[in-house]
PDB file of N, CA and C in Angstrom:
ATOM      1  N   MET A   1    -112.765 101.267  65.074  1.00  0.00           N
ATOM      2  CA  MET A   1    -112.094 101.362  63.794  1.00  0.00           C
ATOM      3  C   MET A   1    -112.143 100.003  63.104  1.00  0.00           C
ATOM      4  N   SER A   2    -112.549  99.967  61.882  1.00  0.00           N
ATOM      5  CA  SER A   2    -112.671  98.701  61.163  1.00  0.00           C
ATOM      6  C   SER A   2    -111.362  98.343  60.467  1.00  0.00           C
ATOM      7  N   LYS A   3    -111.195  97.054  60.265  1.00  0.00           N
ATOM      8  CA  LYS A   3    -110.012  96.578  59.552  1.00  0.00           C
ATOM      9  C   LYS A   3    -110.156  96.898  58.067  1.00  0.00           C
ATOM     10  N   LYS A   4    -109.048  97.248  57.466  1.00  0.00           N
ATOM     11  CA  LYS A   4    -109.071  97.520  56.031  1.00  0.00           C
ATOM     12  C   LYS A   4    -108.989  96.202  55.280  1.00  0.00           C
ATOM     13  N   ASN A   5    -109.705  96.113  54.181  1.00  0.00           N
ATOM     14  CA  ASN A   5    -109.691  94.920  53.355  1.00  0.00           C
ATOM     15  C   ASN A   5    -108.559  95.049  52.331  1.00  0.00           C
ATOM     16  N   ASN A   6    -107.530  94.212  52.450  1.00  0.00           N
ATOM     17  CA  ASN A   6    -106.367  94.295  51.566  1.00  0.00           C
ATOM     18  C   ASN A   6    -106.403  93.265  50.445  1.00  0.00           C
ATOM     19  N   ASP A   7    -107.601  92.722  50.141  1.00  0.00           N
ATOM     20  CA  ASP A   7    -107.704  91.743  49.053  1.00  0.00           C
ATOM     21  C   ASP A   7    -107.400  92.370  47.702  1.00  0.00           C
ATOM     22  N   TRP A   8    -107.616  93.663  47.568  1.00  0.00           N
ATOM     23  CA  TRP A   8    -107.381  94.324  46.289  1.00  0.00           C
ATOM     24  C   TRP A   8    -105.915  94.268  45.889  1.00  0.00           C
ATOM     25  N   LYS A   9    -105.008  94.148  46.845  1.00  0.00           N
ATOM     26  CA  LYS A   9    -103.584  94.097  46.535  1.00  0.00           C
ATOM     27  C   LYS A   9    -103.205  92.785  45.843  1.00  0.00           C
ATOM     28  N   LYS A  10    -104.006  91.756  46.051  1.00  0.00           N
ATOM     29  CA  LYS A  10    -103.705  90.444  45.498  1.00  0.00           C
ATOM     30  C   LYS A  10    -104.265  90.257  44.086  1.00  0.00           C
ATOM     31  N   ARG A  11    -105.009  91.201  43.602  1.00  0.00           N
ATOM     32  CA  ARG A  11    -105.665  91.073  42.304  1.00  0.00           C
ATOM     33  C   ARG A  11    -104.770  91.622  41.211  1.00  0.00           C
ATOM     34  N   ASP A  12    -103.983  90.783  40.637  1.00  0.00           N
ATOM     35  CA  ASP A  12    -103.056  91.191  39.591  1.00  0.00           C
ATOM     36  C   ASP A  12    -103.792  91.411  38.283  1.00  0.00           C
ATOM     37  N   GLY A  13    -103.815  92.654  37.803  1.00  0.00           N
ATOM     38  CA  GLY A  13    -104.345  92.956  36.490  1.00  0.00           C
ATOM     39  C   GLY A  13    -105.845  93.134  36.410  1.00  0.00           C
ATOM     40  N   ILE A  14    -106.625  92.816  37.423  1.00  0.00           N
ATOM     41  CA  ILE A  14    -108.069  92.992  37.383  1.00  0.00           C
ATOM     42  C   ILE A  14    -108.385  94.399  37.877  1.00  0.00           C
ATOM     43  N   VAL A  15    -109.025  95.182  37.034  1.00  0.00           N
ATOM     44  CA  VAL A  15    -109.364  96.546  37.401  1.00  0.00           C
ATOM     45  C   VAL A  15    -110.838  96.631  37.799  1.00  0.00           C
ATOM     46  N   PHE A  16    -111.726  96.098  36.952  1.00  0.00           N
ATOM     47  CA  PHE A  16    -113.153  96.234  37.188  1.00  0.00           C
ATOM     48  C   PHE A  16    -113.901  95.188  36.375  1.00  0.00           C
ATOM     49  N   SER A  17    -114.987  94.669  36.919  1.00  0.00           N
ATOM     50  CA  SER A  17    -115.829  93.734  36.187  1.00  0.00           C
ATOM     51  C   SER A  17    -117.284  94.116  36.398  1.00  0.00           C
ATOM     52  N   THR A  18    -118.056  94.111  35.317  1.00  0.00           N
ATOM     53  CA  THR A  18    -119.478  94.455  35.400  1.00  0.00           C
ATOM     54  C   THR A  18    -120.365  93.228  35.547  1.00  0.00           C
ATOM     55  N   ALA A  19    -119.800  92.039  35.449  1.00  0.00           N
ATOM     56  CA  ALA A  19    -120.591  90.823  35.547  1.00  0.00           C
ATOM     57  C   ALA A  19    -121.006  90.584  37.002  1.00  0.00           C
ATOM     58  N   ASP A  20    -122.323  90.329  37.198  1.00  0.00           N
ATOM     59  CA  ASP A  20    -122.828  90.085  38.551  1.00  0.00           C
ATOM     60  C   ASP A  20    -122.303  88.772  39.125  1.00  0.00           C
ATOM     61  N   SER A  21    -122.060  87.805  38.254  1.00  0.00           N
ATOM     62  CA  SER A  21    -121.630  86.489  38.723  1.00  0.00           C
ATOM     63  C   SER A  21    -120.114  86.341  38.767  1.00  0.00           C
ATOM     64  N   PHE A  22    -119.402  87.457  38.565  1.00  0.00           N
ATOM     65  CA  PHE A  22    -117.941  87.384  38.530  1.00  0.00           C
ATOM     66  C   PHE A  22    -117.395  87.111  39.929  1.00  0.00           C
ATOM     67  N   ASP A  23    -116.540  86.100  40.012  1.00  0.00           N
ATOM     68  CA  ASP A  23    -115.874  85.777  41.273  1.00  0.00           C
ATOM     69  C   ASP A  23    -114.388  85.638  40.965  1.00  0.00           C
ATOM     70  N   TYR A  24    -113.615  86.539  41.461  1.00  0.00           N
ATOM     71  CA  TYR A  24    -112.181  86.536  41.159  1.00  0.00           C
ATOM     72  C   TYR A  24    -111.520  85.329  41.810  1.00  0.00           C
ATOM     73  N   GLN A  25    -110.757  84.590  41.016  1.00  0.00           N
ATOM     74  CA  GLN A  25    -110.006  83.440  41.515  1.00  0.00           C
ATOM     75  C   GLN A  25    -108.575  83.888  41.778  1.00  0.00           C
ATOM     76  N   PHE A  26    -108.197  83.884  43.031  1.00  0.00           N
ATOM     77  CA  PHE A  26    -106.832  84.253  43.365  1.00  0.00           C
ATOM     78  C   PHE A  26    -105.893  83.178  42.861  1.00  0.00           C
ATOM     79  N   GLY A  27    -104.775  83.606  42.266  1.00  0.00           N
ATOM     80  CA  GLY A  27    -103.785  82.649  41.792  1.00  0.00           C
ATOM     81  C   GLY A  27    -103.157  81.933  42.975  1.00  0.00           C
ATOM     82  N   GLU A  28    -102.922  80.654  42.822  1.00  0.00           N
ATOM     83  CA  GLU A  28    -102.304  79.907  43.904  1.00  0.00           C
ATOM     84  C   GLU A  28    -100.862  80.374  44.062  1.00  0.00           C
ATOM     85  N   GLU A  29    -100.482  80.572  45.307  1.00  0.00           N
ATOM     86  CA  GLU A  29     -99.130  81.030  45.564  1.00  0.00           C
ATOM     87  C   GLU A  29     -98.143  79.919  45.251  1.00  0.00           C
ATOM     88  N   GLU A  30     -97.075  80.325  44.578  1.00  0.00           N
ATOM     89  CA  GLU A  30     -96.044  79.364  44.234  1.00  0.00           C
ATOM     90  C   GLU A  30     -95.186  79.073  45.448  1.00  0.00           C
ATOM     91  N   VAL A  31     -95.010  77.812  45.726  1.00  0.00           N
ATOM     92  CA  VAL A  31     -94.131  77.429  46.809  1.00  0.00           C
ATOM     93  C   VAL A  31     -92.772  77.129  46.193  1.00  0.00           C
ATOM     94  N   ALA A  32     -91.818  77.964  46.503  1.00  0.00           N
ATOM     95  CA  ALA A  32     -90.491  77.804  45.921  1.00  0.00           C
ATOM     96  C   ALA A  32     -89.787  76.657  46.616  1.00  0.00           C
ATOM     97  N   SER A  33     -89.423  75.658  45.853  1.00  0.00           N
ATOM     98  CA  SER A  33     -88.687  74.551  46.443  1.00  0.00           C
ATOM     99  C   SER A  33     -87.198  74.831  46.266  1.00  0.00           C
ATOM    100  N   SER A  34     -86.465  74.601  47.319  1.00  0.00           N
ATOM    101  CA  SER A  34     -85.041  74.893  47.295  1.00  0.00           C
ATOM    102  C   SER A  34     -84.278  73.768  46.612  1.00  0.00           C
ATOM    103  N   LEU A  35     -83.306  74.156  45.820  1.00  0.00           N
ATOM    104  CA  LEU A  35     -82.425  73.163  45.227  1.00  0.00           C
ATOM    105  C   LEU A  35     -81.560  72.562  46.326  1.00  0.00           C
ATOM    106  N   PRO A  36     -81.138  71.320  46.167  1.00  0.00           N
ATOM    107  CA  PRO A  36     -80.206  70.745  47.143  1.00  0.00           C
ATOM    108  C   PRO A  36     -78.913  71.553  47.176  1.00  0.00           C
ATOM    109  N   ALA A  37     -78.235  71.502  48.305  1.00  0.00           N
ATOM    110  CA  ALA A  37     -77.023  72.301  48.495  1.00  0.00           C
ATOM    111  C   ALA A  37     -75.978  72.013  47.426  1.00  0.00           C
ATOM    112  N   SER A  38     -75.857  70.762  47.007  1.00  0.00           N
ATOM    113  CA  SER A  38     -74.833  70.407  46.026  1.00  0.00           C
ATOM    114  C   SER A  38     -75.120  70.987  44.641  1.00  0.00           C
ATOM    115  N   GLN A  39     -76.384  71.322  44.346  1.00  0.00           N
ATOM    116  CA  GLN A  39     -76.742  71.874  43.042  1.00  0.00           C
ATOM    117  C   GLN A  39     -76.758  73.397  43.023  1.00  0.00           C
ATOM    118  N   GLN A  40     -76.633  74.017  44.186  1.00  0.00           N
ATOM    119  CA  GLN A  40     -76.601  75.475  44.252  1.00  0.00           C
ATOM    120  C   GLN A  40     -75.260  75.976  43.729  1.00  0.00           C
ATOM    121  N   LYS A  41     -75.278  77.058  42.992  1.00  0.00           N
ATOM    122  CA  LYS A  41     -74.061  77.693  42.499  1.00  0.00           C
ATOM    123  C   LYS A  41     -74.043  79.121  43.028  1.00  0.00           C
ATOM    124  N   LEU A  42     -73.421  79.291  44.185  1.00  0.00           N
ATOM    125  CA  LEU A  42     -73.400  80.574  44.849  1.00  0.00           C
ATOM    126  C   LEU A  42     -72.139  81.344  44.496  1.00  0.00           C
ATOM    127  N   ARG A  43     -72.281  82.665  44.370  1.00  0.00           N
ATOM    128  CA  ARG A  43     -71.140  83.537  44.095  1.00  0.00           C
ATOM    129  C   ARG A  43     -70.949  84.456  45.288  1.00  0.00           C
ATOM    130  N   ILE A  44     -69.704  84.592  45.718  1.00  0.00           N
ATOM    131  CA  ILE A  44     -69.374  85.419  46.864  1.00  0.00           C
ATOM    132  C   ILE A  44     -68.557  86.601  46.375  1.00  0.00           C
ATOM    133  N   LEU A  45     -69.033  87.812  46.685  1.00  0.00           N
ATOM    134  CA  LEU A  45     -68.287  88.990  46.246  1.00  0.00           C
ATOM    135  C   LEU A  45     -68.331  90.082  47.303  1.00  0.00           C
ATOM    136  N   LEU A  46     -67.400  91.002  47.176  1.00  0.00           N
ATOM    137  CA  LEU A  46     -67.300  92.142  48.074  1.00  0.00           C
ATOM    138  C   LEU A  46     -67.986  93.319  47.403  1.00  0.00           C
ATOM    139  N   ASP A  47     -68.847  93.987  48.150  1.00  0.00           N
ATOM    140  CA  ASP A  47     -69.614  95.088  47.579  1.00  0.00           C
ATOM    141  C   ASP A  47     -69.593  96.269  48.534  1.00  0.00           C
ATOM    142  N   LYS A  48     -69.490  97.472  47.982  1.00  0.00           N
ATOM    143  CA  LYS A  48     -69.599  98.672  48.811  1.00  0.00           C
ATOM    144  C   LYS A  48     -70.359  99.785  48.103  1.00  0.00           C
ATOM    145  N   LYS A  49     -71.056  99.444  47.053  1.00  0.00           N
ATOM    146  CA  LYS A  49     -71.876 100.419  46.343  1.00  0.00           C
ATOM    147  C   LYS A  49     -73.142 100.703  47.141  1.00  0.00           C
ATOM    148  N   SER A  50     -73.537 101.943  47.193  1.00  0.00           N
ATOM    149  CA  SER A  50     -74.761 102.386  47.881  1.00  0.00           C
ATOM    150  C   SER A  50     -74.778 101.998  49.350  1.00  0.00           C
ATOM    151  N   ARG A  51     -73.612 101.933  49.971  1.00  0.00           N
ATOM    152  CA  ARG A  51     -73.534 101.559  51.375  1.00  0.00           C
ATOM    153  C   ARG A  51     -72.643 102.525  52.153  1.00  0.00           C
ATOM    154  N   ALA A  52     -72.523 103.738  51.686  1.00  0.00           N
ATOM    155  CA  ALA A  52     -71.725 104.784  52.337  1.00  0.00           C
ATOM    156  C   ALA A  52     -70.281 104.350  52.526  1.00  0.00           C
ATOM    157  N   GLY A  53     -69.728 103.606  51.583  1.00  0.00           N
ATOM    158  CA  GLY A  53     -68.338 103.180  51.643  1.00  0.00           C
ATOM    159  C   GLY A  53     -68.076 101.973  52.516  1.00  0.00           C
ATOM    160  N   LYS A  54     -69.078 101.455  53.194  1.00  0.00           N
ATOM    161  CA  LYS A  54     -68.904 100.277  54.047  1.00  0.00           C
ATOM    162  C   LYS A  54     -68.885  99.023  53.178  1.00  0.00           C
ATOM    163  N   GLN A  55     -68.044  98.080  53.548  1.00  0.00           N
ATOM    164  CA  GLN A  55     -67.921  96.843  52.782  1.00  0.00           C
ATOM    165  C   GLN A  55     -68.884  95.786  53.322  1.00  0.00           C
ATOM    166  N   VAL A  56     -69.469  95.031  52.415  1.00  0.00           N
ATOM    167  CA  VAL A  56     -70.297  93.888  52.777  1.00  0.00           C
ATOM    168  C   VAL A  56     -69.912  92.709  51.892  1.00  0.00           C
ATOM    169  N   THR A  57     -70.011  91.537  52.447  1.00  0.00           N
ATOM    170  CA  THR A  57     -69.832  90.314  51.679  1.00  0.00           C
ATOM    171  C   THR A  57     -71.200  89.927  51.152  1.00  0.00           C
ATOM    172  N   LEU A  58     -71.309  89.775  49.861  1.00  0.00           N
ATOM    173  CA  LEU A  58     -72.580  89.501  49.200  1.00  0.00           C
ATOM    174  C   LEU A  58     -72.558  88.086  48.640  1.00  0.00           C
ATOM    175  N   VAL A  59     -73.559  87.294  49.000  1.00  0.00           N
ATOM    176  CA  VAL A  59     -73.707  85.929  48.480  1.00  0.00           C
ATOM    177  C   VAL A  59     -74.913  85.941  47.556  1.00  0.00           C
ATOM    178  N   GLU A  60     -74.682  85.687  46.273  1.00  0.00           N
ATOM    179  CA  GLU A  60     -75.733  85.727  45.253  1.00  0.00           C
ATOM    180  C   GLU A  60     -75.976  84.340  44.679  1.00  0.00           C
ATOM    181  N   GLY A  61     -77.148  84.185  44.061  1.00  0.00           N
ATOM    182  CA  GLY A  61     -77.425  82.983  43.288  1.00  0.00           C
ATOM    183  C   GLY A  61     -78.185  81.909  44.032  1.00  0.00           C
ATOM    184  N   PHE A  62     -78.696  82.183  45.224  1.00  0.00           N
ATOM    185  CA  PHE A  62     -79.444  81.171  45.961  1.00  0.00           C
ATOM    186  C   PHE A  62     -80.789  80.955  45.302  1.00  0.00           C
ATOM    187  N   ILE A  63     -81.146  79.710  45.058  1.00  0.00           N
ATOM    188  CA  ILE A  63     -82.428  79.356  44.455  1.00  0.00           C
ATOM    189  C   ILE A  63     -83.199  78.550  45.481  1.00  0.00           C
ATOM    190  N   GLY A  64     -84.306  79.122  45.949  1.00  0.00           N
ATOM    191  CA  GLY A  64     -85.105  78.416  46.936  1.00  0.00           C
ATOM    192  C   GLY A  64     -86.036  79.338  47.686  1.00  0.00           C
ATOM    193  N   SER A  65     -86.599  78.827  48.759  1.00  0.00           N
ATOM    194  CA  SER A  65     -87.577  79.572  49.536  1.00  0.00           C
ATOM    195  C   SER A  65     -86.894  80.597  50.434  1.00  0.00           C
ATOM    196  N   GLU A  66     -87.655  81.574  50.849  1.00  0.00           N
ATOM    197  CA  GLU A  66     -87.139  82.622  51.732  1.00  0.00           C
ATOM    198  C   GLU A  66     -86.718  82.041  53.085  1.00  0.00           C
ATOM    199  N   GLU A  67     -87.440  81.024  53.563  1.00  0.00           N
ATOM    200  CA  GLU A  67     -87.104  80.418  54.847  1.00  0.00           C
ATOM    201  C   GLU A  67     -85.720  79.763  54.793  1.00  0.00           C
ATOM    202  N   ASP A  68     -85.452  79.047  53.703  1.00  0.00           N
ATOM    203  CA  ASP A  68     -84.139  78.404  53.555  1.00  0.00           C
ATOM    204  C   ASP A  68     -83.036  79.442  53.394  1.00  0.00           C
ATOM    205  N   LEU A  69     -83.339  80.535  52.699  1.00  0.00           N
ATOM    206  CA  LEU A  69     -82.368  81.610  52.532  1.00  0.00           C
ATOM    207  C   LEU A  69     -82.037  82.234  53.886  1.00  0.00           C
ATOM    208  N   LYS A  70     -83.048  82.485  54.685  1.00  0.00           N
ATOM    209  CA  LYS A  70     -82.824  83.084  55.998  1.00  0.00           C
ATOM    210  C   LYS A  70     -82.082  82.132  56.923  1.00  0.00           C
ATOM    211  N   GLU A  71     -82.341  80.838  56.791  1.00  0.00           N
ATOM    212  CA  GLU A  71     -81.633  79.848  57.604  1.00  0.00           C
ATOM    213  C   GLU A  71     -80.140  79.817  57.243  1.00  0.00           C
ATOM    214  N   LEU A  72     -79.837  79.875  55.948  1.00  0.00           N
ATOM    215  CA  LEU A  72     -78.445  79.909  55.505  1.00  0.00           C
ATOM    216  C   LEU A  72     -77.774  81.203  55.954  1.00  0.00           C
ATOM    217  N   ALA A  73     -78.493  82.314  55.867  1.00  0.00           N
ATOM    218  CA  ALA A  73     -77.946  83.601  56.306  1.00  0.00           C
ATOM    219  C   ALA A  73     -77.652  83.569  57.797  1.00  0.00           C
ATOM    220  N   LYS A  74     -78.508  82.956  58.569  1.00  0.00           N
ATOM    221  CA  LYS A  74     -78.295  82.852  60.016  1.00  0.00           C
ATOM    222  C   LYS A  74     -77.036  82.043  60.303  1.00  0.00           C
ATOM    223  N   LEU A  75     -76.830  80.954  59.564  1.00  0.00           N
ATOM    224  CA  LEU A  75     -75.629  80.144  59.731  1.00  0.00           C
ATOM    225  C   LEU A  75     -74.382  80.965  59.429  1.00  0.00           C
ATOM    226  N   LEU A  76     -74.393  81.696  58.310  1.00  0.00           N
ATOM    227  CA  LEU A  76     -73.230  82.485  57.916  1.00  0.00           C
ATOM    228  C   LEU A  76     -72.956  83.622  58.900  1.00  0.00           C
ATOM    229  N   LYS A  77     -73.986  84.300  59.351  1.00  0.00           N
ATOM    230  CA  LYS A  77     -73.806  85.386  60.305  1.00  0.00           C
ATOM    231  C   LYS A  77     -73.251  84.862  61.625  1.00  0.00           C
ATOM    232  N   ASN A  78     -73.735  83.698  62.015  1.00  0.00           N
ATOM    233  CA  ASN A  78     -73.278  83.088  63.264  1.00  0.00           C
ATOM    234  C   ASN A  78     -71.813  82.679  63.175  1.00  0.00           C
ATOM    235  N   LYS A  79     -71.420  82.060  62.071  1.00  0.00           N
ATOM    236  CA  LYS A  79     -70.039  81.610  61.894  1.00  0.00           C
ATOM    237  C   LYS A  79     -69.068  82.777  61.775  1.00  0.00           C
ATOM    238  N   CYS A  80     -69.514  83.883  61.173  1.00  0.00           N
ATOM    239  CA  CYS A  80     -68.647  85.051  61.010  1.00  0.00           C
ATOM    240  C   CYS A  80     -68.691  85.977  62.225  1.00  0.00           C
ATOM    241  N   GLY A  81     -69.706  85.836  63.051  1.00  0.00           N
ATOM    242  CA  GLY A  81     -69.823  86.665  64.234  1.00  0.00           C
ATOM    243  C   GLY A  81     -70.189  88.107  63.935  1.00  0.00           C
ATOM    244  N   VAL A  82     -70.952  88.323  62.876  1.00  0.00           N
ATOM    245  CA  VAL A  82     -71.346  89.674  62.473  1.00  0.00           C
ATOM    246  C   VAL A  82     -72.829  89.689  62.124  1.00  0.00           C
ATOM    247  N   GLY A  83     -73.331  90.862  61.793  1.00  0.00           N
ATOM    248  CA  GLY A  83     -74.717  91.007  61.382  1.00  0.00           C
ATOM    249  C   GLY A  83     -74.860  90.911  59.874  1.00  0.00           C
ATOM    250  N   GLY A  84     -76.083  90.987  59.432  1.00  0.00           N
ATOM    251  CA  GLY A  84     -76.352  90.934  58.008  1.00  0.00           C
ATOM    252  C   GLY A  84     -77.834  90.792  57.751  1.00  0.00           C
ATOM    253  N   SER A  85     -78.184  90.513  56.515  1.00  0.00           N
ATOM    254  CA  SER A  85     -79.586  90.345  56.150  1.00  0.00           C
ATOM    255  C   SER A  85     -79.702  89.388  54.973  1.00  0.00           C
ATOM    256  N   ALA A  86     -80.938  88.946  54.738  1.00  0.00           N
ATOM    257  CA  ALA A  86     -81.204  88.042  53.618  1.00  0.00           C
ATOM    258  C   ALA A  86     -82.531  88.423  52.993  1.00  0.00           C
ATOM    259  N   LYS A  87     -82.510  88.701  51.682  1.00  0.00           N
ATOM    260  CA  LYS A  87     -83.748  88.973  50.968  1.00  0.00           C
ATOM    261  C   LYS A  87     -83.500  88.886  49.471  1.00  0.00           C
ATOM    262  N   GLU A  88     -84.534  88.522  48.760  1.00  0.00           N
ATOM    263  CA  GLU A  88     -84.528  88.453  47.304  1.00  0.00           C
ATOM    264  C   GLU A  88     -83.381  87.614  46.744  1.00  0.00           C
ATOM    265  N   GLY A  89     -83.088  86.495  47.357  1.00  0.00           N
ATOM    266  CA  GLY A  89     -82.067  85.593  46.846  1.00  0.00           C
ATOM    267  C   GLY A  89     -80.639  86.010  47.135  1.00  0.00           C
ATOM    268  N   GLU A  90     -80.443  87.033  47.967  1.00  0.00           N
ATOM    269  CA  GLU A  90     -79.105  87.509  48.297  1.00  0.00           C
ATOM    270  C   GLU A  90     -78.926  87.543  49.810  1.00  0.00           C
ATOM    271  N   ILE A  91     -77.692  87.286  50.234  1.00  0.00           N
ATOM    272  CA  ILE A  91     -77.342  87.362  51.639  1.00  0.00           C
ATOM    273  C   ILE A  91     -76.259  88.423  51.788  1.00  0.00           C
ATOM    274  N   LEU A  92     -76.477  89.369  52.690  1.00  0.00           N
ATOM    275  CA  LEU A  92     -75.497  90.402  52.989  1.00  0.00           C
ATOM    276  C   LEU A  92     -74.876  90.098  54.348  1.00  0.00           C
ATOM    277  N   ILE A  93     -73.558  90.034  54.384  1.00  0.00           N
ATOM    278  CA  ILE A  93     -72.815  89.848  55.632  1.00  0.00           C
ATOM    279  C   ILE A  93     -71.969  91.096  55.821  1.00  0.00           C
ATOM    280  N   GLN A  94     -72.068  91.732  56.968  1.00  0.00           N
ATOM    281  CA  GLN A  94     -71.339  92.974  57.206  1.00  0.00           C
ATOM    282  C   GLN A  94     -69.845  92.712  57.279  1.00  0.00           C
ATOM    283  N   GLY A  95     -69.072  93.457  56.509  1.00  0.00           N
ATOM    284  CA  GLY A  95     -67.618  93.353  56.518  1.00  0.00           C
ATOM    285  C   GLY A  95     -67.100  92.445  55.415  1.00  0.00           C
ATOM    286  N   ASP A  96     -65.767  92.369  55.339  1.00  0.00           N
ATOM    287  CA  ASP A  96     -65.109  91.537  54.329  1.00  0.00           C
ATOM    288  C   ASP A  96     -64.816  90.164  54.928  1.00  0.00           C
ATOM    289  N   HIS A  97     -65.703  89.203  54.677  1.00  0.00           N
ATOM    290  CA  HIS A  97     -65.576  87.846  55.206  1.00  0.00           C
ATOM    291  C   HIS A  97     -65.669  86.821  54.081  1.00  0.00           C
ATOM    292  N   ARG A  98     -65.155  87.164  52.911  1.00  0.00           N
ATOM    293  CA  ARG A  98     -65.294  86.277  51.754  1.00  0.00           C
ATOM    294  C   ARG A  98     -64.661  84.909  51.986  1.00  0.00           C
ATOM    295  N   ASP A  99     -63.453  84.880  52.544  1.00  0.00           N
ATOM    296  CA  ASP A  99     -62.767  83.602  52.735  1.00  0.00           C
ATOM    297  C   ASP A  99     -63.511  82.707  53.721  1.00  0.00           C
ATOM    298  N   LYS A 100     -63.970  83.297  54.818  1.00  0.00           N
ATOM    299  CA  LYS A 100     -64.671  82.516  55.833  1.00  0.00           C
ATOM    300  C   LYS A 100     -66.023  82.022  55.305  1.00  0.00           C
ATOM    301  N   VAL A 101     -66.729  82.875  54.580  1.00  0.00           N
ATOM    302  CA  VAL A 101     -68.024  82.496  54.014  1.00  0.00           C
ATOM    303  C   VAL A 101     -67.846  81.367  53.000  1.00  0.00           C
ATOM    304  N   LEU A 102     -66.818  81.478  52.172  1.00  0.00           N
ATOM    305  CA  LEU A 102     -66.533  80.430  51.188  1.00  0.00           C
ATOM    306  C   LEU A 102     -66.261  79.100  51.891  1.00  0.00           C
ATOM    307  N   GLN A 103     -65.466  79.140  52.930  1.00  0.00           N
ATOM    308  CA  GLN A 103     -65.124  77.925  53.676  1.00  0.00           C
ATOM    309  C   GLN A 103     -66.372  77.306  54.316  1.00  0.00           C
ATOM    310  N   VAL A 104     -67.238  78.113  54.916  1.00  0.00           N
ATOM    311  CA  VAL A 104     -68.446  77.611  55.568  1.00  0.00           C
ATOM    312  C   VAL A 104     -69.404  77.013  54.535  1.00  0.00           C
ATOM    313  N   LEU A 105     -69.562  77.674  53.387  1.00  0.00           N
ATOM    314  CA  LEU A 105     -70.469  77.164  52.358  1.00  0.00           C
ATOM    315  C   LEU A 105     -69.982  75.841  51.785  1.00  0.00           C
ATOM    316  N   ILE A 106     -68.693  75.725  51.559  1.00  0.00           N
ATOM    317  CA  ILE A 106     -68.147  74.470  51.022  1.00  0.00           C
ATOM    318  C   ILE A 106     -68.304  73.341  52.036  1.00  0.00           C
ATOM    319  N   GLN A 107     -68.092  73.638  53.317  1.00  0.00           N
ATOM    320  CA  GLN A 107     -68.280  72.629  54.353  1.00  0.00           C
ATOM    321  C   GLN A 107     -69.740  72.192  54.456  1.00  0.00           C
ATOM    322  N   ALA A 108     -70.661  73.113  54.166  1.00  0.00           N
ATOM    323  CA  ALA A 108     -72.081  72.799  54.215  1.00  0.00           C
ATOM    324  C   ALA A 108     -72.560  72.084  52.952  1.00  0.00           C
ATOM    325  N   GLY A 109     -71.678  71.919  51.963  1.00  0.00           N
ATOM    326  CA  GLY A 109     -72.014  71.182  50.758  1.00  0.00           C
ATOM    327  C   GLY A 109     -72.504  72.040  49.597  1.00  0.00           C
ATOM    328  N   TYR A 110     -72.424  73.337  49.721  1.00  0.00           N
ATOM    329  CA  TYR A 110     -72.857  74.228  48.639  1.00  0.00           C
ATOM    330  C   TYR A 110     -71.765  74.385  47.603  1.00  0.00           C
ATOM    331  N   GLY A 111     -72.168  74.573  46.358  1.00  0.00           N
ATOM    332  CA  GLY A 111     -71.222  74.924  45.300  1.00  0.00           C
ATOM    333  C   GLY A 111     -71.025  76.419  45.358  1.00  0.00           C
ATOM    334  N   ALA A 112     -69.836  76.869  45.746  1.00  0.00           N
ATOM    335  CA  ALA A 112     -69.593  78.295  45.915  1.00  0.00           C
ATOM    336  C   ALA A 112     -68.233  78.661  45.372  1.00  0.00           C
ATOM    337  N   LYS A 113     -68.122  79.918  44.894  1.00  0.00           N
ATOM    338  CA  LYS A 113     -66.837  80.420  44.435  1.00  0.00           C
ATOM    339  C   LYS A 113     -66.811  81.930  44.593  1.00  0.00           C
ATOM    340  N   LYS A 114     -65.615  82.456  44.683  1.00  0.00           N
ATOM    341  CA  LYS A 114     -65.437  83.904  44.755  1.00  0.00           C
ATOM    342  C   LYS A 114     -65.657  84.495  43.371  1.00  0.00           C
ATOM    343  N   ALA A 115     -66.210  85.694  43.359  1.00  0.00           N
ATOM    344  CA  ALA A 115     -66.442  86.381  42.084  1.00  0.00           C
ATOM    345  C   ALA A 115     -66.106  87.850  42.273  1.00  0.00           C
ATOM    346  N   GLY A 116     -65.811  88.523  41.178  1.00  0.00           N
ATOM    347  CA  GLY A 116     -65.628  89.955  41.215  1.00  0.00           C
ATOM    348  C   GLY A 116     -64.263  90.444  41.607  1.00  0.00           C
ATOM    349  N   GLY A 117     -63.243  89.658  41.439  1.00  0.00           N
ATOM    350  CA  GLY A 117     -61.883  90.144  41.654  1.00  0.00           C
ATOM    351  C   GLY A 117     -61.299  89.944  42.944  1.00  0.00           C
TER     352      GLY A 117
END
């Protein structure tokens, strides 16, 4: 069985070219640089929409790379002693841990505040 060529997924907007000498130039991937912790403005809120009534602590507003986001999520999950996930600039912590998350973020030097009531 041969490997499938997935280069077509990386071609944004190019459908077809009739030029024999055409060589598609892949766009250089942007390396997201993370803002320093003191410049981050994170919002902590309680969310239970689309989660079958279960509460999660949601940390929004992180600006930076996915690796740094996952590292921060690991710290928060470890300090709270619960599970969670990190993707697309948001960190989900299972349960209502807003106060503890706020305390950990402030100790780590992040600009954080509670939001949403």
